[in-house]
C-alpha atoms as a PDB file:
ATOM      1  CA  PHE A   1      -4.330  -3.189   4.222  1.00  0.00           C
ATOM      2  CA  ASP A   2      -5.108  -6.831   3.581  1.00  0.00           C
ATOM      3  CA  TYR A   3      -7.487  -5.976   0.746  1.00  0.00           C
ATOM      4  CA  PHE A   4      -5.158  -3.833  -1.124  1.00  0.00           C
ATOM      5  CA  PRO A   5      -3.188  -6.814  -2.846  1.00  0.00           C
ATOM      6  CA  ASN A   6      -6.551  -8.090  -4.177  1.00  0.00           C
ATOM      7  CA  ILE A   7      -6.793  -5.026  -6.359  1.00  0.00           C
ATOM      8  CA  VAL A   8      -3.246  -3.961  -7.110  1.00  0.00           C
ATOM      9  CA  PHE A   9      -0.143  -6.362  -7.733  1.00  0.00           C
ATOM     10  CA  PHE A  10       2.655  -5.600  -5.367  1.00  0.00           C
ATOM     11  CA  ASN A  11       4.842  -4.811  -8.470  1.00  0.00           C
ATOM     12  CA  SER A  12       2.644  -1.917  -9.189  1.00  0.00           C
ATOM     13  CA  TRP A  13       3.212  -0.469  -5.835  1.00  0.00           C
ATOM     14  CA  ARG A  14       7.045   0.139  -6.133  1.00  0.00           C
ATOM     15  CA  LEU A  15       6.584   3.863  -7.110  1.00  0.00           C
ATOM     16  CA  PRO A  16       3.521   4.707  -4.801  1.00  0.00           C
ATOM     17  CA  ILE A  17       5.399   3.208  -1.956  1.00  0.00           C
ATOM     18  CA  ARG A  18       8.358   5.411  -2.659  1.00  0.00           C
ATOM     19  CA  GLN A  19       6.087   8.342  -2.932  1.00  0.00           C
ATOM     20  CA  MET A  20       4.736   7.582   0.455  1.00  0.00           C
ATOM     21  CA  GLY A  21       8.143   7.842   1.883  1.00  0.00           C
ATOM     22  CA  LEU A  22       9.300   4.277   2.236  1.00  0.00           C
ATOM     23  CA  GLY A  23      12.966   4.077   1.179  1.00  0.00           C
ATOM     24  CA  ASP A  24      14.872   1.876  -1.167  1.00  0.00           C
ATOM     25  CA  SER A  25      16.425   0.071   1.678  1.00  0.00           C
ATOM     26  CA  GLU A  26      13.100  -0.473   3.451  1.00  0.00           C
ATOM     27  CA  ILE A  27      11.421  -2.138   0.567  1.00  0.00           C
ATOM     28  CA  PRO A  28      13.671  -5.251   0.446  1.00  0.00           C
ATOM     29  CA  VAL A  29      13.381  -5.643   4.109  1.00  0.00           C
ATOM     30  CA  ALA A  30       9.584  -5.724   3.817  1.00  0.00           C
ATOM     31  CA  ARG A  31       9.903  -8.348   0.942  1.00  0.00           C
ATOM     32  CA  ALA A  32      12.093 -10.460   3.099  1.00  0.00           C
ATOM     33  CA  ARG A  33       9.639 -10.337   5.932  1.00  0.00           C
ATOM     34  CA  ALA A  34       6.666 -11.434   3.736  1.00  0.00           C
ATOM     35  CA  LEU A  35       5.734 -15.026   4.060  1.00  0.00           C
ATOM     36  CA  GLY A  36       4.997 -15.135   0.398  1.00  0.00           C
ATOM     37  CA  MET A  37       4.581 -13.109  -2.729  1.00  0.00           C
ATOM     38  CA  GLN A  38       1.052 -12.249  -1.850  1.00  0.00           C
ATOM     39  CA  TYR A  39       2.084 -10.797   1.466  1.00  0.00           C
ATOM     40  CA  THR A  40       4.755  -8.547   0.076  1.00  0.00           C
ATOM     41  CA  LEU A  41       2.528  -5.450  -0.429  1.00  0.00           C
ATOM     42  CA  TYR A  42       1.007  -5.947   3.000  1.00  0.00           C
ATOM     43  CA  GLU A  43       4.474  -5.907   4.515  1.00  0.00           C
ATOM     44  CA  MET A  44       5.464  -2.800   2.607  1.00  0.00           C
ATOM     45  CA  LEU A  45       2.211  -1.087   3.795  1.00  0.00           C
ATOM     46  CA  VAL A  46       2.776  -2.157   7.429  1.00  0.00           C
ATOM     47  CA  SER A  47       6.419  -0.740   7.229  1.00  0.00           C
ATOM     48  CA  TRP A  48       5.062   2.496   5.973  1.00  0.00           C
ATOM     49  CA  LEU A  49       2.508   2.610   8.671  1.00  0.00           C
ATOM     50  CA  ASN A  50       5.017   1.869  11.393  1.00  0.00           C
ATOM     51  CA  LYS A  51       7.417   4.528   9.945  1.00  0.00           C
ATOM     52  CA  THR A  52       4.671   7.092   9.718  1.00  0.00           C
ATOM     53  CA  GLY A  53       2.866   6.515  12.982  1.00  0.00           C
ATOM     54  CA  TRP A  54      -0.046   8.732  13.930  1.00  0.00           C
ATOM     55  CA  GLY A  55       0.349  10.797  10.710  1.00  0.00           C
ATOM     56  CA  ALA A  56      -0.623   7.695   8.605  1.00  0.00           C
ATOM     57  CA  SER A  57      -3.862   7.814   6.718  1.00  0.00           C
ATOM     58  CA  VAL A  58      -5.541   5.437   4.291  1.00  0.00           C
ATOM     59  CA  ASN A  59      -5.737   8.477   2.057  1.00  0.00           C
ATOM     60  CA  THR A  60      -1.923   8.469   1.422  1.00  0.00           C
ATOM     61  CA  PRO A  61      -1.634   5.258  -0.300  1.00  0.00           C
ATOM     62  CA  LEU A  62      -4.882   6.027  -2.254  1.00  0.00           C
ATOM     63  CA  ASP A  63      -3.632   9.345  -3.337  1.00  0.00           C
ATOM     64  CA  ALA A  64      -0.348   7.738  -4.343  1.00  0.00           C
ATOM     65  CA  LEU A  65      -2.277   5.155  -6.482  1.00  0.00           C
ATOM     66  CA  GLU A  66      -4.126   7.996  -8.278  1.00  0.00           C
ATOM     67  CA  MET A  67      -1.037   9.873  -9.040  1.00  0.00           C
ATOM     68  CA  ARG A  68       0.319   6.783 -10.727  1.00  0.00           C
ATOM     69  CA  GLY A  69      -2.801   6.600 -12.943  1.00  0.00           C
ATOM     70  CA  GLU A  70      -4.418   3.832 -10.790  1.00  0.00           C
ATOM     71  CA  ARG A  71      -7.657   5.687 -10.237  1.00  0.00           C
ATOM     72  CA  ASN A  72      -9.858   2.667 -10.870  1.00  0.00           C
ATOM     73  CA  ALA A  73      -7.860   0.677  -8.159  1.00  0.00           C
ATOM     74  CA  LYS A  74      -8.109   3.657  -5.849  1.00  0.00           C
ATOM     75  CA  GLU A  75     -11.896   3.721  -6.159  1.00  0.00           C
ATOM     76  CA  ARG A  76     -12.340  -0.003  -5.854  1.00  0.00           C
ATOM     77  CA  ILE A  77     -10.435   0.076  -2.640  1.00  0.00           C
ATOM     78  CA  GLN A  78     -12.410   3.026  -1.295  1.00  0.00           C
ATOM     79  CA  ASN A  79     -15.680   1.321  -2.075  1.00  0.00           C
ATOM     80  CA  HIS A  80     -14.511  -1.717  -0.300  1.00  0.00           C
ATOM     81  CA  LEU A  81     -13.572   0.337   2.774  1.00  0.00           C
ATOM     82  CA  VAL A  82     -16.821   2.287   2.827  1.00  0.00           C
ATOM     83  CA  GLY A  83     -18.756  -0.898   2.446  1.00  0.00           C
ATOM     84  CA  SER A  84     -16.952  -2.619   5.192  1.00  0.00           C
ATOM     85  CA  GLY A  85     -17.297   0.143   7.580  1.00  0.00           C
ATOM     86  CA  LYS A  86     -13.493   0.743   8.019  1.00  0.00           C
END
């Protein structure tokens, strides 16, 4: 998840994060845990991962991005993941 903020600003993730199932009360908690603005998205994704458990898939946030019209961001993240072997 550490690469995601390099591609999409955390403000652009509000709706996709909600689509993924992170509630309105969980988002401010993740923000409060973040050590700085650049870590906010990471903390939201970690919160979603912890909430989802074994059912979590990297495809879920990627699909949420595409549904919000962020196909380019989705493809850039996919290319990074494939290129890094993750």
